[in-house]
Amino acid sequence: MSTRRPLMVTDEERAELERLARRPGTPQGLARRCKVVLLDEAGWTYAAIGGKLDMREQTVLKWRTRFLSARLDGLRDKPRPGVKPTITREKIAEVVRMTLEQKPPDATHWSLRSMAAASGVSRSSVHTIWRAFNLQPHRSETFKLSKDPNFVEKVRDVVGLYMSPPENAVVLCVDEKSQMQALDRTQPLLPMRPGAPERRTHDYHRHGTSSLFAALMVKTGVVIGECHRRHRHQEFLRFLRTIDEVIKATEPPGTRVHIVLDNYATHKTPAVKRWLARRPEYHLHFTPTSASWLNQVERVFADLTTKQLRRGVFRSVAALERSARAYLDARNDDARPFVWTADADTILGRVDRNHAAISRSGH
């Protein structure tokens, strides 16, 4: 009687087999095949494995043999032939070319309906082709290239703080979300119900504005914030004093403070410069002109707008400010830093490619 050939399962294969066998999202057939291999390696007989998994011994032997010949890939289902495609490669290439190089006669961009009519294929086929080539004619984005003469130096300075923060120092991203409007709709909201979204009137009452001054601590993700009714250098100075109080209360003496901020005039007034001159541990790092995306606190402002402001109803400025503070409190309760992955060379390379693309377009 010959002995069966050992499977020689490696540690990596065993870990993957156990993961696939346990994971709820694994197809049932694949999970059972993984269990066949695991039980076989544990020394179970074919009959015992079949009884355990409600499987014939011949089936157990089949998947054991498939694993021996192709390892984990042998346990997966082979692709089935299916129905032959009805759209030729030439037709697919034509749809892609038309999408990229042409426009419909009556619109600025293609829709599924117009492309289907122009190319002679179904709308579902157009949708499949666009998805396969990641084409989205309905979408459009804006961009702005900085004309700052010190763009390269500023990018390297700011990104350097994100990628390699100095020791014994705190890095803060500071900015103001100005002109937050307290808007109240002229009629009560109609709440969401099955089959119908939340609805609101298009017109509204204005009840005033406020500005949120915020400082994101890059290392921890905590945001220091306060609202002011005006947006002047006096309010900015008051916010700097708040930052100073928080740093002194949470950081050891002698900690240096690096602040990333934009070139707004209130950040460079004589009063602000005098305040900083008395505190040599503070260092300002200015983002390039028209490059607010380099300041991480802008991510916080975008999140605030999406979650609290855009669909909010505020009958007073005080209600608006309470909403902004509630957002910051909830965020700080589960504070997580943003993960900055693009180094300066990557960013500058993308900017160079954008410049090159504009030059090629003839503008």
Protein backbone atom coordinates (compact mmCIF):
# COMPACT_ATOMS: atom_id res chain seq x y z
CA MET A 1 0.00 0.00 0.00
CA SER A 2 1.56 3.29 -1.12
CA THR A 3 1.62 6.32 1.12
CA ARG A 4 0.06 9.52 -0.13
CA ARG A 5 2.34 12.34 -1.18
CA PRO A 6 2.64 15.06 1.53
CA LEU A 7 1.24 18.49 0.65
CA MET A 8 4.22 20.41 2.15
CA VAL A 9 2.08 23.45 3.05
CA THR A 10 4.21 26.53 3.82
CA ASP A 11 3.48 28.91 6.69
CA GLU A 12 2.32 31.59 4.21
CA GLU A 13 0.01 29.16 2.43
CA ARG A 14 -1.40 27.90 5.72
CA ALA A 15 -2.15 31.44 6.88
CA GLU A 16 -3.93 32.23 3.58
CA LEU A 17 -5.89 28.97 3.66
CA GLU A 18 -7.07 29.66 7.21
CA ARG A 19 -7.99 33.24 6.29
CA LEU A 20 -10.04 32.15 3.27
CA ALA A 21 -11.71 29.36 5.25
CA ARG A 22 -12.78 31.77 8.03
CA ARG A 23 -13.64 34.90 6.06
CA PRO A 24 -17.42 35.41 5.67
CA GLY A 25 -16.97 36.88 2.19
CA THR A 26 -15.17 33.84 0.75
CA PRO A 27 -17.31 31.83 -1.72
CA GLN A 28 -18.56 28.69 -0.02
CA GLY A 29 -16.95 26.35 -2.53
CA LEU A 30 -13.51 27.93 -2.12
CA ALA A 31 -13.80 27.88 1.68
CA ARG A 32 -14.57 24.12 1.63
CA ARG A 33 -11.59 23.42 -0.65
CA CYS A 34 -9.30 25.30 1.74
CA LYS A 35 -10.62 23.15 4.58
CA VAL A 36 -9.88 20.02 2.52
CA VAL A 37 -6.21 21.01 2.33
CA LEU A 38 -6.02 22.00 6.01
CA LEU A 39 -7.62 18.74 7.18
CA ASP A 40 -5.47 16.68 4.81
CA GLU A 41 -2.34 18.34 6.17
CA ALA A 42 -3.55 17.56 9.69
CA GLY A 43 -3.53 13.86 8.80
CA TRP A 44 -7.23 13.18 8.25
CA THR A 45 -8.18 10.37 5.90
CA TYR A 46 -10.10 11.04 2.69
CA ALA A 47 -13.16 9.38 4.19
CA ALA A 48 -12.99 11.47 7.35
CA ILE A 49 -12.57 14.70 5.37
CA GLY A 50 -15.51 13.76 3.13
CA GLY A 51 -17.68 13.01 6.16
CA LYS A 52 -16.71 16.27 7.82
CA LEU A 53 -17.36 18.43 4.74
CA ASP A 54 -20.21 16.37 3.19
CA MET A 55 -18.04 15.62 0.17
CA ARG A 56 -17.25 12.43 -1.80
CA GLU A 57 -13.79 10.93 -1.39
CA GLN A 58 -13.16 11.38 -5.12
CA THR A 59 -13.87 15.11 -4.72
CA VAL A 60 -11.49 15.34 -1.78
CA LEU A 61 -8.79 13.66 -3.88
CA LYS A 62 -9.53 16.01 -6.81
CA TRP A 63 -8.88 19.19 -4.79
CA ARG A 64 -5.88 17.63 -3.06
CA THR A 65 -4.41 16.89 -6.50
CA ARG A 66 -5.23 20.39 -7.75
CA PHE A 67 -3.43 21.91 -4.75
CA LEU A 68 -0.36 19.73 -5.35
CA SER A 69 -0.15 20.87 -8.97
CA ALA A 70 -1.07 24.56 -8.74
CA ARG A 71 -1.06 25.33 -5.00
CA LEU A 72 -3.62 27.99 -3.96
CA ASP A 73 -4.47 28.89 -7.56
CA GLY A 74 -5.57 25.32 -8.12
CA LEU A 75 -8.38 25.72 -5.57
CA ARG A 76 -10.01 28.61 -7.39
CA ASP A 77 -12.67 28.22 -10.05
CA LYS A 78 -11.41 28.39 -13.60
CA PRO A 79 -12.95 31.07 -15.82
CA ARG A 80 -15.86 29.80 -17.84
CA PRO A 81 -16.13 30.45 -21.58
CA GLY A 82 -19.46 32.29 -21.39
CA VAL A 83 -21.09 34.09 -24.28
CA LYS A 84 -18.93 35.44 -27.07
CA PRO A 85 -18.67 39.24 -27.04
CA THR A 86 -20.99 40.99 -29.48
CA ILE A 87 -18.94 44.22 -29.66
CA THR A 88 -15.71 44.07 -31.64
CA ARG A 89 -12.43 45.58 -30.51
CA GLU A 90 -12.70 48.05 -33.35
CA LYS A 91 -16.06 49.28 -32.09
CA ILE A 92 -14.70 49.61 -28.55
CA ALA A 93 -11.75 51.62 -29.89
CA GLU A 94 -14.16 53.83 -31.83
CA VAL A 95 -16.23 54.62 -28.72
CA VAL A 96 -13.08 55.48 -26.76
CA ARG A 97 -11.73 57.65 -29.58
CA MET A 98 -15.03 59.52 -29.98
CA THR A 99 -15.24 60.10 -26.21
CA LEU A 100 -11.73 61.55 -26.07
CA GLU A 101 -11.52 63.44 -29.35
CA GLN A 102 -15.03 64.51 -30.35
CA LYS A 103 -18.05 66.28 -28.91
CA PRO A 104 -21.73 65.83 -29.73
CA PRO A 105 -23.13 68.57 -32.01
CA ASP A 106 -25.57 69.87 -29.40
CA ALA A 107 -23.61 69.59 -26.12
CA THR A 108 -20.26 70.16 -24.46
CA HIS A 109 -19.83 66.51 -23.49
CA TRP A 110 -21.17 63.04 -24.24
CA SER A 111 -23.96 61.34 -22.35
CA LEU A 112 -24.76 57.63 -22.45
CA ARG A 113 -27.74 58.34 -24.68
CA SER A 114 -25.91 60.58 -27.15
CA MET A 115 -22.87 58.28 -27.40
CA ALA A 116 -25.10 55.24 -27.92
CA ALA A 117 -26.92 57.00 -30.74
CA ALA A 118 -23.70 58.23 -32.37
CA SER A 119 -21.76 54.96 -32.11
CA GLY A 120 -24.57 52.50 -32.77
CA VAL A 121 -24.14 50.46 -29.57
CA SER A 122 -26.43 50.16 -26.57
CA ARG A 123 -26.28 52.51 -23.60
CA SER A 124 -25.32 49.62 -21.32
CA SER A 125 -22.41 48.79 -23.62
CA VAL A 126 -21.26 52.43 -23.63
CA HIS A 127 -21.42 52.40 -19.83
CA THR A 128 -19.35 49.21 -19.70
CA ILE A 129 -16.71 50.64 -22.05
CA TRP A 130 -16.48 53.91 -20.12
CA ARG A 131 -16.08 52.04 -16.85
CA ALA A 132 -13.39 49.79 -18.31
CA PHE A 133 -11.36 52.79 -19.53
CA ASN A 134 -12.23 55.02 -16.55
CA LEU A 135 -13.86 57.65 -18.75
CA GLN A 136 -16.28 60.09 -17.07
CA PRO A 137 -17.47 62.71 -19.58
CA HIS A 138 -20.06 64.07 -17.14
CA ARG A 139 -17.37 65.14 -14.68
CA SER A 140 -15.29 68.31 -14.82
CA GLU A 141 -12.80 69.74 -12.35
CA THR A 142 -11.07 73.09 -11.98
CA PHE A 143 -7.40 73.73 -11.31
CA LYS A 144 -5.14 76.69 -10.73
CA LEU A 145 -1.38 76.78 -11.13
CA SER A 146 0.57 78.89 -8.69
CA LYS A 147 2.63 81.77 -10.07
CA ASP A 148 4.60 82.15 -6.85
CA PRO A 149 8.29 82.77 -7.81
CA ASN A 150 9.33 80.78 -4.72
CA PHE A 151 6.94 77.91 -5.38
CA VAL A 152 9.56 75.15 -5.35
CA GLU A 153 11.25 76.35 -2.16
CA LYS A 154 7.94 76.72 -0.31
CA VAL A 155 6.68 73.30 -1.39
CA ARG A 156 9.89 71.64 -0.20
CA ASP A 157 9.74 73.56 3.07
CA VAL A 158 6.13 72.68 3.91
CA VAL A 159 6.20 69.08 2.67
CA GLY A 160 9.44 68.57 4.56
CA LEU A 161 7.60 69.41 7.78
CA TYR A 162 4.94 66.83 6.97
CA MET A 163 7.28 64.04 5.89
CA SER A 164 10.11 64.62 8.41
CA PRO A 165 8.85 66.75 11.31
CA PRO A 166 11.60 68.27 13.48
CA GLU A 167 12.36 66.76 16.87
CA ASN A 168 11.17 68.54 20.03
CA ALA A 169 8.72 70.51 17.93
CA VAL A 170 5.02 70.80 17.11
CA VAL A 171 3.81 71.34 13.54
CA LEU A 172 0.50 73.20 13.17
CA CYS A 173 -1.52 73.92 10.03
CA VAL A 174 -3.37 77.20 10.60
CA ASP A 175 -6.02 78.97 8.55
CA GLU A 176 -9.39 80.67 8.79
CA LYS A 177 -12.67 79.54 7.28
CA SER A 178 -14.11 83.00 6.81
CA GLN A 179 -17.63 84.13 5.95
CA MET A 180 -19.47 81.08 7.25
CA GLN A 181 -23.09 82.05 6.72
CA ALA A 182 -25.92 81.38 9.17
CA LEU A 183 -28.65 80.46 6.67
CA ASP A 184 -32.22 79.62 7.60
CA ARG A 185 -34.62 78.27 4.99
CA THR A 186 -37.84 80.19 4.41
CA GLN A 187 -39.91 77.05 5.05
CA PRO A 188 -39.36 74.03 7.32
CA LEU A 189 -37.41 71.11 5.90
CA LEU A 190 -39.36 68.16 4.56
CA PRO A 191 -37.65 65.10 6.09
CA MET A 192 -36.41 62.13 4.12
CA ARG A 193 -38.85 59.24 3.69
CA PRO A 194 -38.75 56.01 1.69
CA GLY A 195 -38.52 56.92 -1.98
CA ALA A 196 -38.00 60.65 -1.38
CA PRO A 197 -34.87 62.58 -0.28
CA GLU A 198 -34.83 65.39 2.27
CA ARG A 199 -36.19 68.55 0.64
CA ARG A 200 -35.70 72.23 1.36
CA THR A 201 -36.65 75.53 -0.21
CA HIS A 202 -34.19 77.11 -2.61
CA ASP A 203 -34.42 80.49 -0.86
CA TYR A 204 -33.22 81.37 2.63
CA HIS A 205 -32.81 84.09 5.24
CA ARG A 206 -29.30 85.29 6.13
CA HIS A 207 -28.64 85.81 9.83
CA GLY A 208 -25.00 86.92 9.68
CA THR A 209 -21.57 85.41 9.34
CA SER A 210 -18.75 84.06 11.46
CA SER A 211 -15.16 82.92 10.88
CA LEU A 212 -13.60 79.75 12.22
CA PHE A 213 -9.92 80.05 13.16
CA ALA A 214 -8.40 76.57 13.29
CA ALA A 215 -5.02 74.94 13.89
CA LEU A 216 -4.52 71.27 13.02
CA MET A 217 -1.82 69.51 15.01
CA VAL A 218 -0.17 67.42 12.28
CA LYS A 219 1.16 64.71 14.59
CA THR A 220 -2.07 63.95 16.49
CA GLY A 221 -4.88 65.27 14.27
CA VAL A 222 -6.29 67.37 17.13
CA VAL A 223 -7.78 70.70 16.00
CA ILE A 224 -7.61 73.89 18.08
CA GLY A 225 -10.44 76.15 16.98
CA GLU A 226 -12.44 79.22 17.90
CA CYS A 227 -15.02 81.38 16.15
CA HIS A 228 -14.88 85.16 15.75
CA ARG A 229 -17.42 87.52 14.22
CA ARG A 230 -14.71 89.52 12.48
CA HIS A 231 -11.67 88.50 10.47
CA ARG A 232 -8.85 90.92 11.22
CA HIS A 233 -5.31 90.74 12.54
CA GLN A 234 -6.69 91.36 16.03
CA GLU A 235 -8.67 88.12 15.89
CA PHE A 236 -5.69 86.28 14.44
CA LEU A 237 -3.52 87.54 17.31
CA ARG A 238 -6.12 86.37 19.80
CA PHE A 239 -6.06 82.95 18.18
CA LEU A 240 -2.24 82.84 18.33
CA ARG A 241 -2.50 83.47 22.07
CA THR A 242 -4.94 80.55 22.33
CA ILE A 243 -2.50 78.32 20.46
CA ASP A 244 0.28 79.47 22.78
CA GLU A 245 -1.78 78.59 25.86
CA VAL A 246 -2.54 75.10 24.52
CA ILE A 247 1.12 74.44 23.62
CA LYS A 248 2.33 75.54 27.07
CA ALA A 249 -0.28 73.34 28.74
CA THR A 250 0.38 70.20 26.67
CA GLU A 251 4.02 70.33 25.54
CA PRO A 252 7.30 70.40 27.50
CA PRO A 253 9.14 73.72 27.94
CA GLY A 254 11.34 74.69 25.02
CA THR A 255 9.16 73.02 22.40
CA ARG A 256 9.47 74.74 19.04
CA VAL A 257 6.28 75.59 17.17
CA HIS A 258 6.21 75.43 13.36
CA ILE A 259 3.10 76.99 11.81
CA VAL A 260 2.06 76.37 8.21
CA LEU A 261 -0.23 79.12 6.89
CA ASP A 262 -1.06 81.08 3.76
CA ASN A 263 -0.03 84.56 2.65
CA TYR A 264 -3.15 86.39 3.86
CA ALA A 265 -2.39 89.98 4.89
CA THR A 266 -3.60 89.53 8.50
CA HIS A 267 -0.81 86.97 9.03
CA LYS A 268 1.92 89.53 8.28
CA THR A 269 0.85 92.74 10.05
CA PRO A 270 3.35 94.61 12.26
CA ALA A 271 1.43 93.58 15.39
CA VAL A 272 1.70 89.91 14.46
CA LYS A 273 5.40 90.28 13.66
CA ARG A 274 6.03 91.92 17.04
CA TRP A 275 4.18 89.10 18.84
CA LEU A 276 6.30 86.50 17.02
CA ALA A 277 9.54 88.43 17.62
CA ARG A 278 8.96 88.06 21.38
CA ARG A 279 8.60 84.29 20.93
CA PRO A 280 11.63 82.94 19.03
CA GLU A 281 10.34 79.37 19.40
CA TYR A 282 7.65 80.18 16.81
CA HIS A 283 8.48 79.71 13.13
CA LEU A 284 6.14 80.52 10.22
CA HIS A 285 6.13 78.54 6.96
CA PHE A 286 4.06 80.09 4.17
CA THR A 287 2.39 78.00 1.48
CA PRO A 288 2.84 79.18 -2.13
CA THR A 289 0.32 81.62 -3.55
CA SER A 290 -2.79 79.85 -4.90
CA ALA A 291 -1.76 76.57 -3.26
CA SER A 292 -4.12 76.29 -0.29
CA TRP A 293 -4.32 72.52 -0.94
CA LEU A 294 -0.87 72.27 0.63
CA ASN A 295 -2.33 73.25 4.02
CA GLN A 296 -3.76 70.18 5.73
CA VAL A 297 -6.31 72.15 7.75
CA GLU A 298 -8.20 72.74 4.49
CA ARG A 299 -9.20 69.06 4.72
CA VAL A 300 -10.83 69.83 8.06
CA PHE A 301 -12.73 72.78 6.57
CA ALA A 302 -13.96 70.65 3.67
CA ASP A 303 -15.18 67.98 6.08
CA LEU A 304 -16.91 70.59 8.23
CA THR A 305 -18.72 71.98 5.19
CA THR A 306 -19.89 68.54 4.08
CA LYS A 307 -21.00 67.28 7.48
CA GLN A 308 -22.37 70.38 9.20
CA LEU A 309 -22.69 73.51 7.11
CA ARG A 310 -23.95 72.69 3.61
CA ARG A 311 -27.23 71.15 4.77
CA GLY A 312 -27.42 72.90 8.11
CA VAL A 313 -30.21 75.27 9.13
CA PHE A 314 -29.09 78.10 11.44
CA ARG A 315 -31.43 80.72 12.84
CA SER A 316 -28.60 82.74 14.38
CA VAL A 317 -24.83 83.16 14.20
CA ALA A 318 -24.60 81.64 17.68
CA ALA A 319 -26.29 78.46 16.39
CA LEU A 320 -23.82 78.34 13.49
CA GLU A 321 -20.86 78.66 15.87
CA ARG A 322 -22.25 75.97 18.18
CA SER A 323 -22.48 73.64 15.20
CA ALA A 324 -18.86 74.31 14.21
CA ARG A 325 -17.66 73.74 17.78
CA ALA A 326 -19.70 70.53 18.03
CA TYR A 327 -18.00 69.25 14.88
CA LEU A 328 -14.52 70.03 16.29
CA ASP A 329 -15.36 68.42 19.65
CA ALA A 330 -16.59 65.24 17.98
CA ARG A 331 -13.56 65.15 15.70
CA ASN A 332 -11.12 65.64 18.57
CA ASP A 333 -12.75 62.85 20.57
CA ASP A 334 -11.51 60.46 17.88
CA ALA A 335 -8.62 62.51 16.51
CA ARG A 336 -6.54 60.91 13.79
CA PRO A 337 -3.79 62.58 11.79
CA PHE A 338 -3.91 62.79 8.03
CA VAL A 339 -1.34 60.57 6.32
CA TRP A 340 0.69 62.68 3.90
CA THR A 341 2.25 60.40 1.28
CA ALA A 342 3.37 62.67 -1.61
CA ASP A 343 6.90 63.96 -1.23
CA ALA A 344 8.04 67.26 -2.74
CA ASP A 345 9.51 65.66 -5.88
CA THR A 346 6.20 63.90 -6.60
CA ILE A 347 4.22 67.13 -6.23
CA LEU A 348 6.63 69.17 -8.33
CA GLY A 349 6.60 66.47 -11.00
CA ARG A 350 2.81 66.67 -11.24
CA VAL A 351 2.94 70.45 -11.51
CA ASP A 352 5.53 70.21 -14.30
CA ARG A 353 3.29 67.75 -16.17
CA ASN A 354 0.34 70.13 -15.86
CA HIS A 355 2.44 72.99 -17.25
CA ALA A 356 3.54 70.75 -20.12
CA ALA A 357 -0.05 69.70 -20.86
CA ILE A 358 -1.16 73.34 -21.00
CA SER A 359 1.73 74.18 -23.33
CA ARG A 360 0.79 71.33 -25.67
CA SER A 361 -2.84 72.52 -25.73
CA GLY A 362 -1.72 75.79 -27.33
CA HIS A 363 -3.03 78.09 -24.55
